[in-house]
Amino acid sequence: MPICDHVAFRVADLDRSVAFYERVLPGRVVSRKESTDRWRTKIAWIEPDGQPGFTLVLIQPTRVRVLLRILHALTPRFARSYEHAGFACPSKEMLDERVRVAEEVGARVLVHPVFVDDETGTVAEVLDPDGNPIEWTYGQSVRNARS
C-alpha cells in the first residue's frame, strides 16, 4: 500500500509561510530549492517534528505571486475546495496548544477545538498566511481516519 509522504500548497511568500509552519506545526525545513523554470519557482520542504519521512511542501511560483494573492483574497476558502493538511494529535492538550500557537502568530481560526462525535473526535482548523487550511484532530477513530 502506498504511504503518503507529502502534502503541497502554493504560497505567495515562501519565507512568511516557512516561518508560520516552523512555529505552528512545529517543524523544520529539510530542503529548499530555487528553480530556473519559467515561473522562477521557490520550494521548501518542512518536516513536522516527530514525523520523519513526511513533508509539507510549500511552492512559490515567483512570477505570479501577485495573482495568487488576489485569487486567495477574492475567493472564499470553501469556494476553492476542501483541500487541507490534517494532523492527528495524541492528546487534546496538544491540539489546544497548536491552536493557541496559531492564534499567537496571527492565524485565522476557522474552527476552534470542538468535539464532533465519537467517530470524528475533536477537530480544530486554522488558515495559514495564504488561506490554506490546517486541521488538527484528537480522538478520531481509525475507521474514519482511513476513509
N, C-alpha and C. Protein backbone atom coordinates (compact mmCIF):
# COMPACT_ATOMS: atom_id res chain seq x y z
N MET A 1 0.84 -1.18 0.00
CA MET A 1 0.00 0.00 0.00
C MET A 1 0.88 1.24 0.00
N PRO A 2 0.64 2.21 -0.88
CA PRO A 2 1.41 3.44 -0.88
C PRO A 2 1.27 4.20 0.44
N ILE A 3 2.31 4.92 0.82
CA ILE A 3 2.31 5.72 2.04
C ILE A 3 2.38 7.18 1.65
N CYS A 4 1.53 8.02 2.25
CA CYS A 4 1.56 9.45 1.98
C CYS A 4 2.86 10.03 2.53
N ASP A 5 3.64 10.69 1.66
CA ASP A 5 4.91 11.24 2.13
C ASP A 5 4.96 12.75 2.08
N HIS A 6 3.94 13.41 1.48
CA HIS A 6 3.93 14.87 1.48
C HIS A 6 2.56 15.42 1.12
N VAL A 7 2.37 16.68 1.49
CA VAL A 7 1.23 17.48 1.07
C VAL A 7 1.84 18.77 0.55
N ALA A 8 1.32 19.32 -0.55
CA ALA A 8 1.90 20.52 -1.14
C ALA A 8 0.86 21.63 -1.23
N PHE A 9 1.32 22.86 -0.94
CA PHE A 9 0.49 24.05 -1.07
C PHE A 9 1.24 25.11 -1.86
N ARG A 10 0.52 25.84 -2.71
CA ARG A 10 1.09 27.04 -3.33
C ARG A 10 1.03 28.16 -2.30
N VAL A 11 2.07 28.96 -2.25
CA VAL A 11 2.11 30.09 -1.32
C VAL A 11 2.59 31.33 -2.05
N ALA A 12 2.20 32.50 -1.55
CA ALA A 12 2.59 33.76 -2.18
C ALA A 12 3.93 34.28 -1.66
N ASP A 13 4.27 33.93 -0.42
CA ASP A 13 5.51 34.41 0.18
C ASP A 13 6.15 33.24 0.93
N LEU A 14 7.16 32.62 0.33
CA LEU A 14 7.74 31.41 0.88
C LEU A 14 8.32 31.62 2.27
N ASP A 15 9.07 32.70 2.47
CA ASP A 15 9.68 32.93 3.79
C ASP A 15 8.63 33.11 4.88
N ARG A 16 7.57 33.84 4.57
CA ARG A 16 6.48 34.03 5.53
C ARG A 16 5.82 32.70 5.88
N SER A 17 5.58 31.87 4.87
CA SER A 17 4.94 30.58 5.10
C SER A 17 5.84 29.62 5.86
N VAL A 18 7.14 29.63 5.54
CA VAL A 18 8.09 28.78 6.28
C VAL A 18 8.08 29.16 7.75
N ALA A 19 8.16 30.45 8.05
CA ALA A 19 8.16 30.90 9.44
C ALA A 19 6.88 30.47 10.16
N PHE A 20 5.74 30.55 9.47
CA PHE A 20 4.46 30.14 10.04
C PHE A 20 4.49 28.65 10.39
N TYR A 21 4.85 27.82 9.43
CA TYR A 21 4.81 26.37 9.66
C TYR A 21 5.87 25.88 10.63
N GLU A 22 7.04 26.50 10.63
CA GLU A 22 8.06 26.10 11.60
C GLU A 22 7.54 26.30 13.03
N ARG A 23 6.76 27.33 13.23
CA ARG A 23 6.26 27.63 14.57
C ARG A 23 4.97 26.89 14.88
N VAL A 24 4.05 26.86 13.93
CA VAL A 24 2.72 26.34 14.22
C VAL A 24 2.65 24.81 14.20
N LEU A 25 3.37 24.15 13.30
CA LEU A 25 3.27 22.68 13.27
C LEU A 25 3.70 22.03 14.59
N PRO A 26 4.79 22.16 15.13
CA PRO A 26 6.04 22.76 14.68
C PRO A 26 6.78 21.82 13.73
N GLY A 27 7.75 22.38 13.03
CA GLY A 27 8.54 21.59 12.09
C GLY A 27 9.80 22.34 11.71
N ARG A 28 10.58 21.72 10.80
CA ARG A 28 11.83 22.34 10.37
C ARG A 28 12.02 22.14 8.88
N VAL A 29 12.68 23.10 8.25
CA VAL A 29 12.98 23.00 6.83
C VAL A 29 14.04 21.93 6.64
N VAL A 30 13.76 20.96 5.78
CA VAL A 30 14.74 19.91 5.49
C VAL A 30 15.39 20.12 4.13
N SER A 31 14.78 20.97 3.29
CA SER A 31 15.37 21.27 1.98
C SER A 31 14.72 22.52 1.42
N ARG A 32 15.48 23.24 0.61
CA ARG A 32 14.99 24.41 -0.13
C ARG A 32 15.57 24.37 -1.52
N LYS A 33 14.82 24.94 -2.48
CA LYS A 33 15.29 24.94 -3.86
C LYS A 33 14.74 26.18 -4.57
N GLU A 34 15.56 26.78 -5.41
CA GLU A 34 15.10 27.84 -6.29
C GLU A 34 15.28 27.33 -7.72
N SER A 35 14.18 27.19 -8.41
CA SER A 35 14.19 26.62 -9.74
C SER A 35 14.45 27.70 -10.80
N THR A 36 14.92 27.26 -11.94
CA THR A 36 15.12 28.17 -13.07
C THR A 36 14.01 27.99 -14.11
N ASP A 37 12.88 27.38 -13.69
CA ASP A 37 11.75 27.23 -14.62
C ASP A 37 11.17 28.59 -14.96
N ARG A 38 10.22 28.63 -15.87
CA ARG A 38 9.68 29.91 -16.34
C ARG A 38 8.93 30.67 -15.26
N TRP A 39 8.53 30.01 -14.19
CA TRP A 39 7.81 30.66 -13.10
C TRP A 39 8.77 31.11 -11.99
N ARG A 40 10.07 30.73 -12.12
CA ARG A 40 11.07 31.04 -11.09
C ARG A 40 10.60 30.53 -9.73
N THR A 41 10.19 29.29 -9.70
CA THR A 41 9.60 28.68 -8.53
C THR A 41 10.61 28.49 -7.40
N LYS A 42 10.16 28.84 -6.20
CA LYS A 42 10.92 28.58 -4.98
C LYS A 42 10.15 27.52 -4.20
N ILE A 43 10.87 26.54 -3.63
CA ILE A 43 10.22 25.44 -2.93
C ILE A 43 10.93 25.19 -1.60
N ALA A 44 10.14 24.90 -0.57
CA ALA A 44 10.69 24.50 0.72
C ALA A 44 9.94 23.26 1.19
N TRP A 45 10.69 22.32 1.75
CA TRP A 45 10.14 21.10 2.32
C TRP A 45 10.27 21.20 3.83
N ILE A 46 9.15 21.09 4.54
CA ILE A 46 9.15 21.18 6.00
C ILE A 46 8.71 19.83 6.57
N GLU A 47 9.53 19.31 7.48
CA GLU A 47 9.20 18.05 8.15
C GLU A 47 8.63 18.37 9.52
N PRO A 48 7.37 17.97 9.78
CA PRO A 48 6.81 18.18 11.11
C PRO A 48 7.60 17.39 12.15
N ASP A 49 7.78 17.99 13.33
CA ASP A 49 8.50 17.31 14.40
C ASP A 49 7.90 15.93 14.65
N GLY A 50 8.76 14.92 14.77
CA GLY A 50 8.33 13.56 15.08
C GLY A 50 7.73 12.80 13.92
N GLN A 51 7.84 13.31 12.69
CA GLN A 51 7.25 12.63 11.53
C GLN A 51 8.27 12.47 10.42
N PRO A 52 9.35 11.74 10.68
CA PRO A 52 10.35 11.55 9.62
C PRO A 52 9.72 10.88 8.41
N GLY A 53 10.13 11.35 7.23
CA GLY A 53 9.60 10.75 6.00
C GLY A 53 8.36 11.43 5.47
N PHE A 54 7.79 12.38 6.21
CA PHE A 54 6.63 13.13 5.74
C PHE A 54 7.02 14.60 5.67
N THR A 55 6.65 15.29 4.59
CA THR A 55 6.95 16.71 4.48
C THR A 55 5.74 17.50 3.99
N LEU A 56 5.72 18.75 4.41
CA LEU A 56 4.78 19.71 3.87
C LEU A 56 5.60 20.51 2.86
N VAL A 57 5.17 20.51 1.60
CA VAL A 57 5.91 21.17 0.53
C VAL A 57 5.24 22.50 0.22
N LEU A 58 6.01 23.57 0.33
CA LEU A 58 5.49 24.91 0.06
C LEU A 58 6.10 25.40 -1.25
N ILE A 59 5.25 25.79 -2.20
CA ILE A 59 5.70 26.15 -3.54
C ILE A 59 5.29 27.58 -3.85
N GLN A 60 6.28 28.42 -4.17
CA GLN A 60 6.02 29.82 -4.53
C GLN A 60 6.43 30.05 -5.98
N PRO A 61 5.45 30.11 -6.90
CA PRO A 61 5.76 30.48 -8.28
C PRO A 61 5.95 32.00 -8.34
N THR A 62 7.17 32.45 -8.22
CA THR A 62 7.50 33.85 -8.00
C THR A 62 6.89 34.80 -9.03
N ARG A 63 6.86 34.44 -10.27
CA ARG A 63 6.36 35.36 -11.31
C ARG A 63 4.86 35.61 -11.24
N VAL A 64 4.12 34.81 -10.49
CA VAL A 64 2.67 35.03 -10.40
C VAL A 64 2.23 35.26 -8.95
N ARG A 65 3.14 35.71 -8.09
CA ARG A 65 2.82 35.94 -6.68
C ARG A 65 1.64 36.88 -6.49
N VAL A 66 1.62 37.97 -7.21
CA VAL A 66 0.55 38.96 -7.05
C VAL A 66 -0.80 38.35 -7.45
N LEU A 67 -0.82 37.58 -8.53
CA LEU A 67 -2.06 36.94 -8.96
C LEU A 67 -2.57 35.96 -7.92
N LEU A 68 -1.66 35.21 -7.27
CA LEU A 68 -2.08 34.27 -6.24
C LEU A 68 -2.67 35.00 -5.03
N ARG A 69 -2.06 36.10 -4.64
CA ARG A 69 -2.61 36.87 -3.52
C ARG A 69 -4.01 37.37 -3.84
N ILE A 70 -4.21 37.85 -5.05
CA ILE A 70 -5.53 38.34 -5.45
C ILE A 70 -6.54 37.20 -5.46
N LEU A 71 -6.16 36.06 -6.04
CA LEU A 71 -7.05 34.89 -6.08
C LEU A 71 -7.49 34.49 -4.69
N HIS A 72 -6.54 34.36 -3.77
CA HIS A 72 -6.88 33.93 -2.41
C HIS A 72 -7.70 34.99 -1.68
N ALA A 73 -7.45 36.27 -1.95
CA ALA A 73 -8.19 37.33 -1.28
C ALA A 73 -9.64 37.41 -1.77
N LEU A 74 -9.88 37.12 -3.05
CA LEU A 74 -11.20 37.28 -3.63
C LEU A 74 -12.07 36.02 -3.60
N THR A 75 -11.43 34.86 -3.44
CA THR A 75 -12.18 33.61 -3.49
C THR A 75 -12.27 33.00 -2.10
N PRO A 76 -13.47 32.89 -1.55
CA PRO A 76 -13.60 32.28 -0.22
C PRO A 76 -13.04 30.85 -0.22
N ARG A 77 -12.47 30.45 0.89
CA ARG A 77 -11.82 29.14 1.01
C ARG A 77 -12.74 28.00 0.60
N PHE A 78 -13.98 28.00 1.05
CA PHE A 78 -14.86 26.88 0.74
C PHE A 78 -15.30 26.88 -0.72
N ALA A 79 -15.18 28.00 -1.40
CA ALA A 79 -15.49 28.05 -2.83
C ALA A 79 -14.33 27.48 -3.66
N ARG A 80 -13.10 27.52 -3.10
CA ARG A 80 -11.94 26.99 -3.83
C ARG A 80 -11.97 25.47 -3.82
N SER A 81 -12.08 24.89 -2.65
CA SER A 81 -12.18 23.43 -2.49
C SER A 81 -12.04 23.11 -1.02
N TYR A 82 -12.08 21.84 -0.69
CA TYR A 82 -11.94 21.46 0.72
C TYR A 82 -10.59 20.83 0.98
N GLU A 83 -9.58 21.17 0.19
CA GLU A 83 -8.26 20.62 0.45
C GLU A 83 -7.74 21.16 1.77
N HIS A 84 -6.96 20.34 2.47
CA HIS A 84 -6.33 20.75 3.72
C HIS A 84 -5.28 19.72 4.11
N ALA A 85 -4.39 20.13 4.99
CA ALA A 85 -3.45 19.19 5.59
C ALA A 85 -4.00 18.86 6.97
N GLY A 86 -4.05 17.58 7.29
CA GLY A 86 -4.60 17.16 8.58
C GLY A 86 -3.54 16.48 9.42
N PHE A 87 -3.50 16.84 10.70
CA PHE A 87 -2.54 16.28 11.64
C PHE A 87 -3.27 15.74 12.86
N ALA A 88 -3.02 14.49 13.20
CA ALA A 88 -3.63 13.86 14.37
C ALA A 88 -2.76 14.13 15.60
N CYS A 89 -3.37 14.57 16.67
CA CYS A 89 -2.67 14.85 17.92
C CYS A 89 -2.89 13.70 18.90
N PRO A 90 -1.88 13.35 19.69
CA PRO A 90 -2.03 12.26 20.66
C PRO A 90 -2.80 12.68 21.91
N SER A 91 -3.08 13.98 22.07
CA SER A 91 -3.84 14.43 23.24
C SER A 91 -4.63 15.68 22.88
N LYS A 92 -5.70 15.92 23.63
CA LYS A 92 -6.50 17.13 23.46
C LYS A 92 -5.66 18.36 23.83
N GLU A 93 -4.77 18.20 24.80
CA GLU A 93 -3.92 19.31 25.21
C GLU A 93 -3.00 19.74 24.07
N MET A 94 -2.47 18.79 23.31
CA MET A 94 -1.62 19.13 22.18
C MET A 94 -2.43 19.86 21.11
N LEU A 95 -3.63 19.40 20.84
CA LEU A 95 -4.49 20.07 19.86
C LEU A 95 -4.74 21.51 20.31
N ASP A 96 -5.09 21.70 21.57
CA ASP A 96 -5.32 23.04 22.09
C ASP A 96 -4.07 23.91 21.97
N GLU A 97 -2.91 23.34 22.23
CA GLU A 97 -1.64 24.07 22.14
C GLU A 97 -1.36 24.51 20.71
N ARG A 98 -1.63 23.64 19.72
CA ARG A 98 -1.40 24.01 18.32
C ARG A 98 -2.28 25.21 17.94
N VAL A 99 -3.53 25.20 18.38
CA VAL A 99 -4.44 26.31 18.07
C VAL A 99 -3.96 27.57 18.78
N ARG A 100 -3.52 27.45 20.04
CA ARG A 100 -3.02 28.61 20.78
C ARG A 100 -1.84 29.24 20.05
N VAL A 101 -0.89 28.42 19.61
CA VAL A 101 0.28 28.94 18.89
C VAL A 101 -0.14 29.58 17.58
N ALA A 102 -1.09 28.96 16.87
CA ALA A 102 -1.58 29.53 15.61
C ALA A 102 -2.18 30.91 15.86
N GLU A 103 -2.98 31.04 16.91
CA GLU A 103 -3.57 32.35 17.23
C GLU A 103 -2.48 33.34 17.61
N GLU A 104 -1.46 32.87 18.31
CA GLU A 104 -0.35 33.73 18.74
C GLU A 104 0.37 34.36 17.55
N VAL A 105 0.49 33.61 16.46
CA VAL A 105 1.17 34.14 15.28
C VAL A 105 0.21 34.84 14.31
N GLY A 106 -1.05 34.98 14.73
CA GLY A 106 -2.00 35.74 13.93
C GLY A 106 -2.80 34.95 12.93
N ALA A 107 -2.78 33.62 13.02
CA ALA A 107 -3.56 32.80 12.09
C ALA A 107 -5.05 32.94 12.37
N ARG A 108 -5.83 32.87 11.33
CA ARG A 108 -7.29 32.90 11.47
C ARG A 108 -7.78 31.50 11.85
N VAL A 109 -8.50 31.41 12.94
CA VAL A 109 -9.05 30.12 13.38
C VAL A 109 -10.44 29.98 12.78
N LEU A 110 -10.61 28.97 11.92
CA LEU A 110 -11.92 28.72 11.32
C LEU A 110 -12.80 27.90 12.25
N VAL A 111 -12.20 26.90 12.89
CA VAL A 111 -12.93 26.02 13.79
C VAL A 111 -12.11 25.88 15.07
N HIS A 112 -12.61 26.48 16.15
CA HIS A 112 -11.96 26.28 17.45
C HIS A 112 -12.19 24.84 17.87
N PRO A 113 -11.34 24.28 18.72
CA PRO A 113 -11.49 22.87 19.09
C PRO A 113 -12.93 22.55 19.51
N VAL A 114 -13.49 21.58 18.82
CA VAL A 114 -14.86 21.18 19.10
C VAL A 114 -14.97 19.66 18.97
N PHE A 115 -15.64 19.04 19.94
CA PHE A 115 -15.90 17.60 19.85
C PHE A 115 -17.07 17.40 18.90
N VAL A 116 -16.86 16.62 17.84
CA VAL A 116 -17.90 16.42 16.84
C VAL A 116 -18.75 15.21 17.21
N ASP A 117 -18.13 14.04 17.30
CA ASP A 117 -18.81 12.81 17.70
C ASP A 117 -17.73 11.77 17.98
N ASP A 118 -18.15 10.56 18.40
CA ASP A 118 -17.17 9.51 18.76
C ASP A 118 -16.32 9.07 17.58
N GLU A 119 -16.86 9.14 16.37
CA GLU A 119 -16.11 8.70 15.20
C GLU A 119 -15.11 9.77 14.74
N THR A 120 -15.53 11.03 14.77
CA THR A 120 -14.70 12.13 14.30
C THR A 120 -13.75 12.63 15.37
N GLY A 121 -14.17 12.64 16.60
CA GLY A 121 -13.35 13.14 17.70
C GLY A 121 -13.41 14.66 17.76
N THR A 122 -12.34 15.26 18.28
CA THR A 122 -12.25 16.71 18.41
C THR A 122 -11.48 17.27 17.21
N VAL A 123 -11.97 18.36 16.66
CA VAL A 123 -11.39 18.94 15.44
C VAL A 123 -11.15 20.44 15.65
N ALA A 124 -10.06 20.92 15.07
CA ALA A 124 -9.78 22.36 15.01
C ALA A 124 -9.18 22.66 13.64
N GLU A 125 -9.42 23.86 13.12
CA GLU A 125 -8.89 24.21 11.81
C GLU A 125 -8.49 25.68 11.78
N VAL A 126 -7.29 25.94 11.24
CA VAL A 126 -6.79 27.31 11.09
C VAL A 126 -6.34 27.50 9.64
N LEU A 127 -6.19 28.77 9.26
CA LEU A 127 -5.70 29.09 7.92
C LEU A 127 -4.27 29.59 8.00
N ASP A 128 -3.43 29.13 7.08
CA ASP A 128 -2.06 29.64 7.01
C ASP A 128 -2.09 31.02 6.36
N PRO A 129 -0.96 31.71 6.21
CA PRO A 129 -0.98 33.07 5.66
C PRO A 129 -1.56 33.18 4.24
N ASP A 130 -1.63 32.07 3.51
CA ASP A 130 -2.19 32.09 2.15
C ASP A 130 -3.61 31.57 2.08
N GLY A 131 -4.21 31.30 3.24
CA GLY A 131 -5.57 30.80 3.26
C GLY A 131 -5.67 29.29 3.11
N ASN A 132 -4.53 28.58 3.14
CA ASN A 132 -4.56 27.12 3.08
C ASN A 132 -4.93 26.59 4.46
N PRO A 133 -5.89 25.67 4.53
CA PRO A 133 -6.35 25.18 5.83
C PRO A 133 -5.46 24.08 6.41
N ILE A 134 -5.27 24.16 7.73
CA ILE A 134 -4.57 23.15 8.50
C ILE A 134 -5.55 22.65 9.55
N GLU A 135 -5.71 21.33 9.62
CA GLU A 135 -6.65 20.73 10.56
C GLU A 135 -5.90 19.88 11.56
N TRP A 136 -6.29 20.00 12.84
CA TRP A 136 -5.77 19.11 13.87
C TRP A 136 -6.95 18.33 14.42
N THR A 137 -6.72 17.06 14.69
CA THR A 137 -7.76 16.21 15.27
C THR A 137 -7.21 15.50 16.50
N TYR A 138 -8.13 15.11 17.37
CA TYR A 138 -7.79 14.26 18.51
C TYR A 138 -8.94 13.30 18.72
N GLY A 139 -8.61 12.03 18.90
CA GLY A 139 -9.64 11.04 19.20
C GLY A 139 -10.39 10.53 17.99
N GLN A 140 -9.86 10.76 16.80
CA GLN A 140 -10.51 10.29 15.58
C GLN A 140 -10.38 8.78 15.50
N SER A 141 -11.47 8.10 15.18
CA SER A 141 -11.43 6.65 15.10
C SER A 141 -10.59 6.21 13.90
N VAL A 142 -9.98 5.05 13.99
CA VAL A 142 -9.17 4.53 12.89
C VAL A 142 -10.01 4.35 11.64
N ARG A 143 -11.23 3.86 11.79
CA ARG A 143 -12.09 3.65 10.63
C ARG A 143 -12.32 4.97 9.89
N ASN A 144 -12.62 6.05 10.60
CA ASN A 144 -12.87 7.34 9.97
C ASN A 144 -11.59 7.91 9.37
N ALA A 145 -10.46 7.71 10.04
CA ALA A 145 -9.20 8.26 9.56
C ALA A 145 -8.78 7.62 8.25
N ARG A 146 -9.22 6.42 7.99
CA ARG A 146 -8.81 5.71 6.77
C ARG A 146 -9.83 5.84 5.65
N SER A 147 -10.97 6.45 5.92
CA SER A 147 -11.99 6.55 4.86
C SER A 147 -11.81 7.78 4.03
